[in-house]
Each structure stands twice: as structure tokens, then as C-alpha cells.
PDB file of N, CA and C in Angstrom:
ATOM      1  N   MET A   1     270.681  37.134 -50.946  1.00  0.00           N
ATOM      2  CA  MET A   1     269.335  37.192 -50.434  1.00  0.00           C
ATOM      3  C   MET A   1     268.975  38.646 -50.128  1.00  0.00           C
ATOM      4  N   GLU A   2     267.811  39.048 -50.536  1.00  0.00           N
ATOM      5  CA  GLU A   2     267.351  40.420 -50.341  1.00  0.00           C
ATOM      6  C   GLU A   2     266.792  40.622 -48.932  1.00  0.00           C
ATOM      7  N   GLN A   3     267.185  41.732 -48.319  1.00  0.00           N
ATOM      8  CA  GLN A   3     266.665  42.023 -46.987  1.00  0.00           C
ATOM      9  C   GLN A   3     265.237  42.547 -47.094  1.00  0.00           C
ATOM     10  N   GLN A   4     264.459  42.243 -46.051  1.00  0.00           N
ATOM     11  CA  GLN A   4     263.068  42.682 -46.028  1.00  0.00           C
ATOM     12  C   GLN A   4     262.747  43.335 -44.689  1.00  0.00           C
ATOM     13  N   LYS A   5     261.569  43.966 -44.651  1.00  0.00           N
ATOM     14  CA  LYS A   5     261.141  44.618 -43.418  1.00  0.00           C
ATOM     15  C   LYS A   5     260.514  43.593 -42.490  1.00  0.00           C
ATOM     16  N   LEU A   6     260.664  43.825 -41.200  1.00  0.00           N
ATOM     17  CA  LEU A   6     259.966  43.000 -40.218  1.00  0.00           C
ATOM     18  C   LEU A   6     258.473  43.333 -40.302  1.00  0.00           C
ATOM     19  N   PRO A   7     257.604  42.344 -40.247  1.00  0.00           N
ATOM     20  CA  PRO A   7     256.196  42.556 -40.607  1.00  0.00           C
ATOM     21  C   PRO A   7     255.380  43.445 -39.669  1.00  0.00           C
ATOM     22  N   ASN A   8     255.703  43.494 -38.387  1.00  0.00           N
ATOM     23  CA  ASN A   8     254.845  44.214 -37.446  1.00  0.00           C
ATOM     24  C   ASN A   8     255.475  45.479 -36.883  1.00  0.00           C
ATOM     25  N   ALA A   9     256.582  45.927 -37.437  1.00  0.00           N
ATOM     26  CA  ALA A   9     257.296  47.064 -36.867  1.00  0.00           C
ATOM     27  C   ALA A   9     256.461  48.344 -36.917  1.00  0.00           C
ATOM     28  N   THR A  10     255.921  48.664 -38.068  1.00  0.00           N
ATOM     29  CA  THR A  10     255.135  49.888 -38.205  1.00  0.00           C
ATOM     30  C   THR A  10     253.849  49.810 -37.390  1.00  0.00           C
ATOM     31  N   THR A  11     253.201  48.666 -37.405  1.00  0.00           N
ATOM     32  CA  THR A  11     251.971  48.477 -36.636  1.00  0.00           C
ATOM     33  C   THR A  11     252.235  48.658 -35.148  1.00  0.00           C
ATOM     34  N   SER A  12     253.360  48.151 -34.677  1.00  0.00           N
ATOM     35  CA  SER A  12     253.705  48.284 -33.263  1.00  0.00           C
ATOM     36  C   SER A  12     253.910  49.739 -32.871  1.00  0.00           C
ATOM     37  N   ILE A  13     254.555  50.507 -33.724  1.00  0.00           N
ATOM     38  CA  ILE A  13     254.768  51.927 -33.427  1.00  0.00           C
ATOM     39  C   ILE A  13     253.437  52.669 -33.395  1.00  0.00           C
ATOM     40  N   VAL A  14     252.577  52.403 -34.371  1.00  0.00           N
ATOM     41  CA  VAL A  14     251.277  53.078 -34.425  1.00  0.00           C
ATOM     42  C   VAL A  14     250.450  52.734 -33.187  1.00  0.00           C
ATOM     43  N   LEU A  15     250.404  51.462 -32.823  1.00  0.00           N
ATOM     44  CA  LEU A  15     249.650  51.070 -31.628  1.00  0.00           C
ATOM     45  C   LEU A  15     250.240  51.670 -30.359  1.00  0.00           C
ATOM     46  N   GLY A  16     251.549  51.781 -30.298  1.00  0.00           N
ATOM     47  CA  GLY A  16     252.185  52.407 -29.145  1.00  0.00           C
ATOM     48  C   GLY A  16     251.809  53.873 -29.019  1.00  0.00           C
ATOM     49  N   ILE A  17     251.764  54.576 -30.141  1.00  0.00           N
ATOM     50  CA  ILE A  17     251.372  55.985 -30.129  1.00  0.00           C
ATOM     51  C   ILE A  17     249.899  56.125 -29.759  1.00  0.00           C
ATOM     52  N   ILE A  18     249.062  55.253 -30.285  1.00  0.00           N
ATOM     53  CA  ILE A  18     247.636  55.277 -29.938  1.00  0.00           C
ATOM     54  C   ILE A  18     247.454  55.013 -28.445  1.00  0.00           C
ATOM     55  N   SER A  19     248.307  54.192 -27.867  1.00  0.00           N
ATOM     56  CA  SER A  19     248.186  53.905 -26.434  1.00  0.00           C
ATOM     57  C   SER A  19     248.395  55.163 -25.594  1.00  0.00           C
ATOM     58  N   PHE A  20     249.270  56.088 -26.043  1.00  0.00           N
ATOM     59  CA  PHE A  20     249.443  57.354 -25.320  1.00  0.00           C
ATOM     60  C   PHE A  20     248.132  58.134 -25.301  1.00  0.00           C
ATOM     61  N   ILE A  21     247.498  58.219 -26.457  1.00  0.00           N
ATOM     62  CA  ILE A  21     246.242  58.967 -26.575  1.00  0.00           C
ATOM     63  C   ILE A  21     245.157  58.314 -25.725  1.00  0.00           C
ATOM     64  N   CYS A  22     245.115  56.996 -25.753  1.00  0.00           N
ATOM     65  CA  CYS A  22     244.094  56.275 -24.986  1.00  0.00           C
ATOM     66  C   CYS A  22     244.298  56.405 -23.485  1.00  0.00           C
ATOM     67  N   CYS A  23     245.509  56.618 -23.044  1.00  0.00           N
ATOM     68  CA  CYS A  23     245.742  56.834 -21.609  1.00  0.00           C
ATOM     69  C   CYS A  23     245.016  58.080 -21.135  1.00  0.00           C
ATOM     70  N   LEU A  24     244.878  59.061 -22.011  1.00  0.00           N
ATOM     71  CA  LEU A  24     244.222  60.305 -21.638  1.00  0.00           C
ATOM     72  C   LEU A  24     242.700  60.184 -21.639  1.00  0.00           C
ATOM     73  N   PHE A  25     242.148  59.408 -22.558  1.00  0.00           N
ATOM     74  CA  PHE A  25     240.707  59.425 -22.765  1.00  0.00           C
ATOM     75  C   PHE A  25     239.964  58.193 -22.279  1.00  0.00           C
ATOM     76  N   THR A  26     240.643  57.143 -21.904  1.00  0.00           N
ATOM     77  CA  THR A  26     239.941  55.921 -21.500  1.00  0.00           C
ATOM     78  C   THR A  26     240.350  55.458 -20.113  1.00  0.00           C
ATOM     79  N   VAL A  27     240.717  56.353 -19.248  1.00  0.00           N
ATOM     80  CA  VAL A  27     241.102  56.058 -17.870  1.00  0.00           C
ATOM     81  C   VAL A  27     242.251  55.049 -17.827  1.00  0.00           C
ATOM     82  N   GLY A  28     243.071  55.016 -18.855  1.00  0.00           N
ATOM     83  CA  GLY A  28     244.241  54.154 -18.861  1.00  0.00           C
ATOM     84  C   GLY A  28     244.017  52.764 -19.417  1.00  0.00           C
ATOM     85  N   LEU A  29     242.768  52.311 -19.453  1.00  0.00           N
ATOM     86  CA  LEU A  29     242.509  50.936 -19.885  1.00  0.00           C
ATOM     87  C   LEU A  29     242.815  50.723 -21.365  1.00  0.00           C
ATOM     88  N   GLY A  30     242.429  51.690 -22.186  1.00  0.00           N
ATOM     89  CA  GLY A  30     242.748  51.602 -23.613  1.00  0.00           C
ATOM     90  C   GLY A  30     244.243  51.650 -23.855  1.00  0.00           C
ATOM     91  N   GLY A  31     244.934  52.463 -23.068  1.00  0.00           N
ATOM     92  CA  GLY A  31     246.390  52.545 -23.183  1.00  0.00           C
ATOM     93  C   GLY A  31     247.060  51.228 -22.861  1.00  0.00           C
ATOM     94  N   ILE A  32     246.546  50.568 -21.815  1.00  0.00           N
ATOM     95  CA  ILE A  32     247.096  49.256 -21.451  1.00  0.00           C
ATOM     96  C   ILE A  32     246.831  48.248 -22.565  1.00  0.00           C
ATOM     97  N   LEU A  33     245.629  48.273 -23.116  1.00  0.00           N
ATOM     98  CA  LEU A  33     245.262  47.331 -24.181  1.00  0.00           C
ATOM     99  C   LEU A  33     246.135  47.524 -25.422  1.00  0.00           C
ATOM    100  N   PHE A  34     246.183  48.752 -25.929  1.00  0.00           N
ATOM    101  CA  PHE A  34     246.941  49.005 -27.157  1.00  0.00           C
ATOM    102  C   PHE A  34     248.444  48.818 -26.969  1.00  0.00           C
ATOM    103  N   SER A  35     248.980  49.244 -25.836  1.00  0.00           N
ATOM    104  CA  SER A  35     250.415  49.061 -25.627  1.00  0.00           C
ATOM    105  C   SER A  35     250.755  47.587 -25.412  1.00  0.00           C
ATOM    106  N   GLY A  36     249.841  46.837 -24.808  1.00  0.00           N
ATOM    107  CA  GLY A  36     250.065  45.395 -24.657  1.00  0.00           C
ATOM    108  C   GLY A  36     250.140  44.699 -26.007  1.00  0.00           C
ATOM    109  N   ILE A  37     249.222  45.064 -26.906  1.00  0.00           N
ATOM    110  CA  ILE A  37     249.239  44.485 -28.261  1.00  0.00           C
ATOM    111  C   ILE A  37     250.511  44.908 -28.986  1.00  0.00           C
ATOM    112  N   ALA A  38     250.882  46.186 -28.871  1.00  0.00           N
ATOM    113  CA  ALA A  38     252.102  46.679 -29.530  1.00  0.00           C
ATOM    114  C   ALA A  38     253.338  45.956 -29.013  1.00  0.00           C
ATOM    115  N   LEU A  39     253.391  45.750 -27.708  1.00  0.00           N
ATOM    116  CA  LEU A  39     254.542  45.058 -27.121  1.00  0.00           C
ATOM    117  C   LEU A  39     254.598  43.600 -27.589  1.00  0.00           C
ATOM    118  N   PHE A  40     253.444  42.951 -27.665  1.00  0.00           N
ATOM    119  CA  PHE A  40     253.385  41.575 -28.155  1.00  0.00           C
ATOM    120  C   PHE A  40     253.898  41.484 -29.596  1.00  0.00           C
ATOM    121  N   LEU A  41     253.426  42.388 -30.458  1.00  0.00           N
ATOM    122  CA  LEU A  41     253.858  42.369 -31.863  1.00  0.00           C
ATOM    123  C   LEU A  41     255.345  42.693 -31.995  1.00  0.00           C
ATOM    124  N   ALA A  42     255.822  43.651 -31.218  1.00  0.00           N
ATOM    125  CA  ALA A  42     257.248  44.009 -31.279  1.00  0.00           C
ATOM    126  C   ALA A  42     258.115  42.845 -30.799  1.00  0.00           C
ATOM    127  N   ASN A  43     257.665  42.145 -29.771  1.00  0.00           N
ATOM    128  CA  ASN A  43     258.434  40.990 -29.291  1.00  0.00           C
ATOM    129  C   ASN A  43     258.446  39.858 -30.322  1.00  0.00           C
ATOM    130  N   ARG A  44     257.335  39.678 -31.043  1.00  0.00           N
ATOM    131  CA  ARG A  44     257.322  38.670 -32.120  1.00  0.00           C
ATOM    132  C   ARG A  44     258.348  39.017 -33.192  1.00  0.00           C
ATOM    133  N   ASP A  45     258.392  40.307 -33.580  1.00  0.00           N
ATOM    134  CA  ASP A  45     259.380  40.736 -34.577  1.00  0.00           C
ATOM    135  C   ASP A  45     260.803  40.603 -34.046  1.00  0.00           C
ATOM    136  N   LYS A  46     260.996  40.877 -32.769  1.00  0.00           N
ATOM    137  CA  LYS A  46     262.320  40.721 -32.163  1.00  0.00           C
ATOM    138  C   LYS A  46     262.766  39.263 -32.259  1.00  0.00           C
ATOM    139  N   ASN A  47     261.862  38.343 -31.956  1.00  0.00           N
ATOM    140  CA  ASN A  47     262.189  36.916 -32.051  1.00  0.00           C
ATOM    141  C   ASN A  47     262.457  36.507 -33.496  1.00  0.00           C
ATOM    142  N   THR A  48     261.681  37.056 -34.432  1.00  0.00           N
ATOM    143  CA  THR A  48     261.903  36.767 -35.852  1.00  0.00           C
ATOM    144  C   THR A  48     263.280  37.269 -36.283  1.00  0.00           C
ATOM    145  N   TYR A  49     263.636  38.452 -35.845  1.00  0.00           N
ATOM    146  CA  TYR A  49     264.942  39.016 -36.185  1.00  0.00           C
ATOM    147  C   TYR A  49     266.074  38.193 -35.573  1.00  0.00           C
ATOM    148  N   THR A  50     265.893  37.738 -34.351  1.00  0.00           N
ATOM    149  CA  THR A  50     266.933  36.968 -33.668  1.00  0.00           C
ATOM    150  C   THR A  50     267.233  35.666 -34.405  1.00  0.00           C
ATOM    151  N   GLU A  51     266.209  35.075 -34.998  1.00  0.00           N
ATOM    152  CA  GLU A  51     266.403  33.810 -35.725  1.00  0.00           C
ATOM    153  C   GLU A  51     267.234  33.990 -36.988  1.00  0.00           C
ATOM    154  N   ASP A  52     267.054  35.118 -37.688  1.00  0.00           N
ATOM    155  CA  ASP A  52     267.764  35.340 -38.947  1.00  0.00           C
ATOM    156  C   ASP A  52     268.029  36.836 -39.148  1.00  0.00           C
ATOM    157  N   PRO A  53     269.026  37.391 -38.448  1.00  0.00           N
ATOM    158  CA  PRO A  53     269.244  38.841 -38.489  1.00  0.00           C
ATOM    159  C   PRO A  53     269.672  39.399 -39.851  1.00  0.00           C
ATOM    160  N   GLU A  54     270.265  38.585 -40.693  1.00  0.00           N
ATOM    161  CA  GLU A  54     270.727  39.078 -41.996  1.00  0.00           C
ATOM    162  C   GLU A  54     269.585  39.325 -42.967  1.00  0.00           C
ATOM    163  N   SER A  55     268.404  38.799 -42.680  1.00  0.00           N
ATOM    164  CA  SER A  55     267.279  38.914 -43.610  1.00  0.00           C
ATOM    165  C   SER A  55     266.455  40.184 -43.422  1.00  0.00           C
ATOM    166  N   TYR A  56     266.688  40.899 -42.344  1.00  0.00           N
ATOM    167  CA  TYR A  56     265.834  42.052 -42.031  1.00  0.00           C
ATOM    168  C   TYR A  56     266.681  43.291 -41.806  1.00  0.00           C
ATOM    169  N   TYR A  57     266.129  44.450 -42.168  1.00  0.00           N
ATOM    170  CA  TYR A  57     266.913  45.685 -42.052  1.00  0.00           C
ATOM    171  C   TYR A  57     266.289  46.741 -41.139  1.00  0.00           C
ATOM    172  N   ASN A  58     265.101  46.532 -40.613  1.00  0.00           N
ATOM    173  CA  ASN A  58     264.474  47.585 -39.808  1.00  0.00           C
ATOM    174  C   ASN A  58     264.321  47.199 -38.342  1.00  0.00           C
ATOM    175  N   TYR A  59     265.337  46.570 -37.796  1.00  0.00           N
ATOM    176  CA  TYR A  59     265.260  46.164 -36.390  1.00  0.00           C
ATOM    177  C   TYR A  59     265.260  47.374 -35.454  1.00  0.00           C
ATOM    178  N   ASN A  60     265.895  48.476 -35.842  1.00  0.00           N
ATOM    179  CA  ASN A  60     265.874  49.682 -35.006  1.00  0.00           C
ATOM    180  C   ASN A  60     264.450  50.193 -34.819  1.00  0.00           C
ATOM    181  N   GLN A  61     263.625  50.037 -35.834  1.00  0.00           N
ATOM    182  CA  GLN A  61     262.223  50.438 -35.734  1.00  0.00           C
ATOM    183  C   GLN A  61     261.496  49.565 -34.707  1.00  0.00           C
ATOM    184  N   VAL A  62     261.838  48.290 -34.648  1.00  0.00           N
ATOM    185  CA  VAL A  62     261.227  47.382 -33.670  1.00  0.00           C
ATOM    186  C   VAL A  62     261.670  47.760 -32.255  1.00  0.00           C
ATOM    187  N   LYS A  63     262.940  48.112 -32.095  1.00  0.00           N
ATOM    188  CA  LYS A  63     263.412  48.535 -30.775  1.00  0.00           C
ATOM    189  C   LYS A  63     262.677  49.798 -30.326  1.00  0.00           C
ATOM    190  N   THR A  64     262.486  50.724 -31.238  1.00  0.00           N
ATOM    191  CA  THR A  64     261.737  51.940 -30.927  1.00  0.00           C
ATOM    192  C   THR A  64     260.301  51.611 -30.551  1.00  0.00           C
ATOM    193  N   ALA A  65     259.682  50.699 -31.288  1.00  0.00           N
ATOM    194  CA  ALA A  65     258.301  50.304 -31.007  1.00  0.00           C
ATOM    195  C   ALA A  65     258.185  49.674 -29.620  1.00  0.00           C
ATOM    196  N   ARG A  66     259.157  48.865 -29.238  1.00  0.00           N
ATOM    197  CA  ARG A  66     259.140  48.249 -27.898  1.00  0.00           C
ATOM    198  C   ARG A  66     259.229  49.311 -26.806  1.00  0.00           C
ATOM    199  N   ILE A  67     260.100  50.288 -27.006  1.00  0.00           N
ATOM    200  CA  ILE A  67     260.255  51.355 -26.013  1.00  0.00           C
ATOM    201  C   ILE A  67     258.955  52.151 -25.883  1.00  0.00           C
ATOM    202  N   ILE A  68     258.356  52.510 -27.011  1.00  0.00           N
ATOM    203  CA  ILE A  68     257.096  53.254 -26.988  1.00  0.00           C
ATOM    204  C   ILE A  68     256.010  52.431 -26.303  1.00  0.00           C
ATOM    205  N   ALA A  69     255.939  51.140 -26.606  1.00  0.00           N
ATOM    206  CA  ALA A  69     254.916  50.276 -26.003  1.00  0.00           C
ATOM    207  C   ALA A  69     255.113  50.147 -24.493  1.00  0.00           C
ATOM    208  N   ILE A  70     256.347  50.029 -24.061  1.00  0.00           N
ATOM    209  CA  ILE A  70     256.613  49.922 -22.619  1.00  0.00           C
ATOM    210  C   ILE A  70     256.238  51.220 -21.909  1.00  0.00           C
ATOM    211  N   ILE A  71     256.578  52.349 -22.511  1.00  0.00           N
ATOM    212  CA  ILE A  71     256.209  53.638 -21.914  1.00  0.00           C
ATOM    213  C   ILE A  71     254.684  53.771 -21.861  1.00  0.00           C
ATOM    214  N   GLY A  72     253.998  53.388 -22.930  1.00  0.00           N
ATOM    215  CA  GLY A  72     252.539  53.442 -22.943  1.00  0.00           C
ATOM    216  C   GLY A  72     251.922  52.533 -21.903  1.00  0.00           C
ATOM    217  N   LEU A  73     252.505  51.371 -21.715  1.00  0.00           N
ATOM    218  CA  LEU A  73     252.007  50.433 -20.704  1.00  0.00           C
ATOM    219  C   LEU A  73     252.178  51.010 -19.296  1.00  0.00           C
ATOM    220  N   VAL A  74     253.334  51.580 -19.033  1.00  0.00           N
ATOM    221  CA  VAL A  74     253.579  52.181 -17.721  1.00  0.00           C
ATOM    222  C   VAL A  74     252.629  53.356 -17.485  1.00  0.00           C
ATOM    223  N   LEU A  75     252.454  54.208 -18.488  1.00  0.00           N
ATOM    224  CA  LEU A  75     251.528  55.335 -18.341  1.00  0.00           C
ATOM    225  C   LEU A  75     250.097  54.857 -18.118  1.00  0.00           C
ATOM    226  N   GLY A  76     249.695  53.811 -18.827  1.00  0.00           N
ATOM    227  CA  GLY A  76     248.351  53.266 -18.641  1.00  0.00           C
ATOM    228  C   GLY A  76     248.140  52.731 -17.241  1.00  0.00           C
ATOM    229  N   ILE A  77     249.114  52.009 -16.747  1.00  0.00           N
ATOM    230  CA  ILE A  77     249.004  51.459 -15.383  1.00  0.00           C
ATOM    231  C   ILE A  77     248.987  52.592 -14.360  1.00  0.00           C
ATOM    232  N   LEU A  78     249.844  53.585 -14.542  1.00  0.00           N
ATOM    233  CA  LEU A  78     249.856  54.722 -13.614  1.00  0.00           C
ATOM    234  C   LEU A  78     248.531  55.486 -13.644  1.00  0.00           C
ATOM    235  N   THR A  79     247.937  55.615 -14.831  1.00  0.00           N
ATOM    236  CA  THR A  79     246.651  56.298 -14.941  1.00  0.00           C
ATOM    237  C   THR A  79     245.560  55.535 -14.219  1.00  0.00           C
ATOM    238  N   VAL A  80     245.530  54.219 -14.389  1.00  0.00           N
ATOM    239  CA  VAL A  80     244.533  53.401 -13.695  1.00  0.00           C
ATOM    240  C   VAL A  80     244.718  53.521 -12.183  1.00  0.00           C
ATOM    241  N   LEU A  81     245.952  53.460 -11.720  1.00  0.00           N
ATOM    242  CA  LEU A  81     246.214  53.580 -10.284  1.00  0.00           C
ATOM    243  C   LEU A  81     245.812  54.956  -9.755  1.00  0.00           C
ATOM    244  N   MET A  82     246.074  55.995 -10.532  1.00  0.00           N
ATOM    245  CA  MET A  82     245.718  57.345 -10.116  1.00  0.00           C
ATOM    246  C   MET A  82     244.195  57.504 -10.022  1.00  0.00           C
ATOM    247  N   VAL A  83     243.468  56.970 -10.987  1.00  0.00           N
ATOM    248  CA  VAL A  83     242.004  57.059 -10.962  1.00  0.00           C
ATOM    249  C   VAL A  83     241.454  56.258  -9.781  1.00  0.00           C
ATOM    250  N   ALA A  84     241.994  55.077  -9.552  1.00  0.00           N
ATOM    251  CA  ALA A  84     241.535  54.260  -8.423  1.00  0.00           C
ATOM    252  C   ALA A  84     241.798  54.984  -7.103  1.00  0.00           C
ATOM    253  N   TYR A  85     242.961  55.608  -6.979  1.00  0.00           N
ATOM    254  CA  TYR A  85     243.271  56.358  -5.761  1.00  0.00           C
ATOM    255  C   TYR A  85     242.328  57.551  -5.597  1.00  0.00           C
ATOM    256  N   SER A  86     242.031  58.236  -6.693  1.00  0.00           N
ATOM    257  CA  SER A  86     241.133  59.386  -6.630  1.00  0.00           C
ATOM    258  C   SER A  86     239.741  58.983  -6.168  1.00  0.00           C
ATOM    259  N   ILE A  87     239.252  57.873  -6.686  1.00  0.00           N
ATOM    260  CA  ILE A  87     237.934  57.388  -6.283  1.00  0.00           C
ATOM    261  C   ILE A  87     237.944  57.018  -4.802  1.00  0.00           C
ATOM    262  N   LYS A  88     239.002  56.368  -4.375  1.00  0.00           N
ATOM    263  CA  LYS A  88     239.113  55.984  -2.956  1.00  0.00           C
ATOM    264  C   LYS A  88     239.210  57.226  -2.072  1.00  0.00           C
ATOM    265  N   ALA A  89     239.960  58.236  -2.503  1.00  0.00           N
ATOM    266  CA  ALA A  89     240.123  59.451  -1.720  1.00  0.00           C
ATOM    267  C   ALA A  89     238.824  60.240  -1.612  1.00  0.00           C
ATOM    268  N   MET A  90     237.944  60.109  -2.599  1.00  0.00           N
ATOM    269  CA  MET A  90     236.650  60.801  -2.562  1.00  0.00           C
ATOM    270  C   MET A  90     235.661  60.116  -1.631  1.00  0.00           C
ATOM    271  N   GLY A  91     235.977  58.949  -1.179  1.00  0.00           N
ATOM    272  CA  GLY A  91     235.075  58.244  -0.279  1.00  0.00           C
ATOM    273  C   GLY A  91     234.411  57.040  -0.900  1.00  0.00           C
ATOM    274  N   GLY A  92     234.909  56.602  -2.014  1.00  0.00           N
ATOM    275  CA  GLY A  92     234.361  55.404  -2.653  1.00  0.00           C
ATOM    276  C   GLY A  92     233.582  55.731  -3.917  1.00  0.00           C
ATOM    277  N   TRP A  93     233.049  54.676  -4.492  1.00  0.00           N
ATOM    278  CA  TRP A  93     232.371  54.756  -5.775  1.00  0.00           C
ATOM    279  C   TRP A  93     231.119  55.638  -5.701  1.00  0.00           C
ATOM    280  N   ASP A  94     230.319  55.507  -4.653  1.00  0.00           N
ATOM    281  CA  ASP A  94     229.087  56.290  -4.519  1.00  0.00           C
ATOM    282  C   ASP A  94     229.374  57.783  -4.412  1.00  0.00           C
ATOM    283  N   MET A  95     230.347  58.126  -3.615  1.00  0.00           N
ATOM    284  CA  MET A  95     230.716  59.539  -3.466  1.00  0.00           C
ATOM    285  C   MET A  95     231.279  60.093  -4.777  1.00  0.00           C
ATOM    286  N   TYR A  96     232.003  59.270  -5.498  1.00  0.00           N
ATOM    287  CA  TYR A  96     232.544  59.685  -6.794  1.00  0.00           C
ATOM    288  C   TYR A  96     231.412  60.060  -7.737  1.00  0.00           C
ATOM    289  N   TRP A  97     230.382  59.210  -7.827  1.00  0.00           N
ATOM    290  CA  TRP A  97     229.271  59.481  -8.740  1.00  0.00           C
ATOM    291  C   TRP A  97     228.460  60.680  -8.279  1.00  0.00           C
ATOM    292  N   GLU A  98     228.350  60.893  -6.987  1.00  0.00           N
ATOM    293  CA  GLU A  98     227.671  62.093  -6.497  1.00  0.00           C
ATOM    294  C   GLU A  98     228.408  63.344  -6.960  1.00  0.00           C
ATOM    295  N   LYS A  99     229.720  63.315  -6.875  1.00  0.00           N
ATOM    296  CA  LYS A  99     230.540  64.455  -7.318  1.00  0.00           C
ATOM    297  C   LYS A  99     230.398  64.665  -8.821  1.00  0.00           C
ATOM    298  N   VAL A 100     230.348  63.588  -9.571  1.00  0.00           N
ATOM    299  CA  VAL A 100     230.159  63.693 -11.023  1.00  0.00           C
ATOM    300  C   VAL A 100     228.808  64.329 -11.326  1.00  0.00           C
ATOM    301  N   GLU A 101     227.765  63.885 -10.636  1.00  0.00           N
ATOM    302  CA  GLU A 101     226.432  64.450 -10.858  1.00  0.00           C
ATOM    303  C   GLU A 101     226.387  65.927 -10.491  1.00  0.00           C
ATOM    304  N   GLU A 102     227.024  66.317  -9.383  1.00  0.00           N
ATOM    305  CA  GLU A 102     227.079  67.728  -8.995  1.00  0.00           C
ATOM    306  C   GLU A 102     227.779  68.557 -10.068  1.00  0.00           C
ATOM    307  N   THR A 103     228.863  68.040 -10.582  1.00  0.00           N
ATOM    308  CA  THR A 103     229.615  68.759 -11.610  1.00  0.00           C
ATOM    309  C   THR A 103     228.782  68.903 -12.874  1.00  0.00           C
ATOM    310  N   MET A 104     228.064  67.858 -13.241  1.00  0.00           N
ATOM    311  CA  MET A 104     227.218  67.923 -14.439  1.00  0.00           C
ATOM    312  C   MET A 104     226.098  68.942 -14.265  1.00  0.00           C
ATOM    313  N   GLU A 105     225.509  69.020 -13.065  1.00  0.00           N
ATOM    314  CA  GLU A 105     224.467  70.004 -12.798  1.00  0.00           C
ATOM    315  C   GLU A 105     225.016  71.422 -12.868  1.00  0.00           C
ATOM    316  N   GLU A 106     226.233  71.634 -12.372  1.00  0.00           N
ATOM    317  CA  GLU A 106     226.856  72.941 -12.458  1.00  0.00           C
ATOM    318  C   GLU A 106     227.092  73.344 -13.902  1.00  0.00           C
ATOM    319  N   ILE A 107     227.535  72.388 -14.694  1.00  0.00           N
ATOM    320  CA  ILE A 107     227.811  72.667 -16.102  1.00  0.00           C
ATOM    321  C   ILE A 107     226.511  73.009 -16.834  1.00  0.00           C
ATOM    322  N   GLN A 108     225.455  72.284 -16.556  1.00  0.00           N
ATOM    323  CA  GLN A 108     224.179  72.525 -17.230  1.00  0.00           C
ATOM    324  C   GLN A 108     223.541  73.830 -16.775  1.00  0.00           C
ATOM    325  N   GLY A 109     223.883  74.291 -15.578  1.00  0.00           N
ATOM    326  CA  GLY A 109     223.333  75.536 -15.051  1.00  0.00           C
ATOM    327  C   GLY A 109     223.895  76.776 -15.737  1.00  0.00           C
ATOM    328  N   TYR A 110     225.037  76.682 -16.391  1.00  0.00           N
ATOM    329  CA  TYR A 110     225.657  77.848 -17.025  1.00  0.00           C
ATOM    330  C   TYR A 110     225.109  78.089 -18.371  1.00  0.00           C
TER     331      TYR A 110
END
């Protein structure tokens, strides 16, 4: 029987890497979303491999994808917590938006 690749290994790695980028630009929410999907797909491949390990040859790629997805998930959660703490430390949502508006006015003034 010929060995084959696990179907979601590459997709899981790509989504895990995208989750790192999304942690920076989407306040962590995109990172949580993409890493959650990557972790789900990697776990499906892990279960597929467990059922018939002799049929697949890229299980190391799935293990790597799981690690990347878990790191992305943790970073996303930490980013969300950090943003929530920052908003709370500024005095709440209203004070946060006032600070944003002040910063935008300063930027437009230059």
C-alpha cells in the first residue's frame, strides 16, 4: 500500500502562521479564529493518523502545525487580554475612544 499525505497538514501550518499575523493586526481575535481552525484541522489529521499510521508519512508536519496553532491561540488570547486591560486602565471604553480621537487629531495636525 502506498503512503499518502495527511489532507490538512499544510493548511493547518498556513493557518497557524496567519494567526500570528492576525494577532498583531486584529486585536487578537483573528489570531484566535485562525489558530482555532488550524488546531481543529491538525487534530482531525492526528486522529486520522492514529487510526492507520502506516498509510501516512507526514505526521511530523501535523505535529508542527499543532504546536504553531497552540502558540497562535495563546498569543491571541494574551493579546485580547492585554487590550482589555489597556482599555480598563484608561478608564473604560469612553475614555479609550477619547484618547483615540485625540491621537487622530494630533496626527492630522502634522
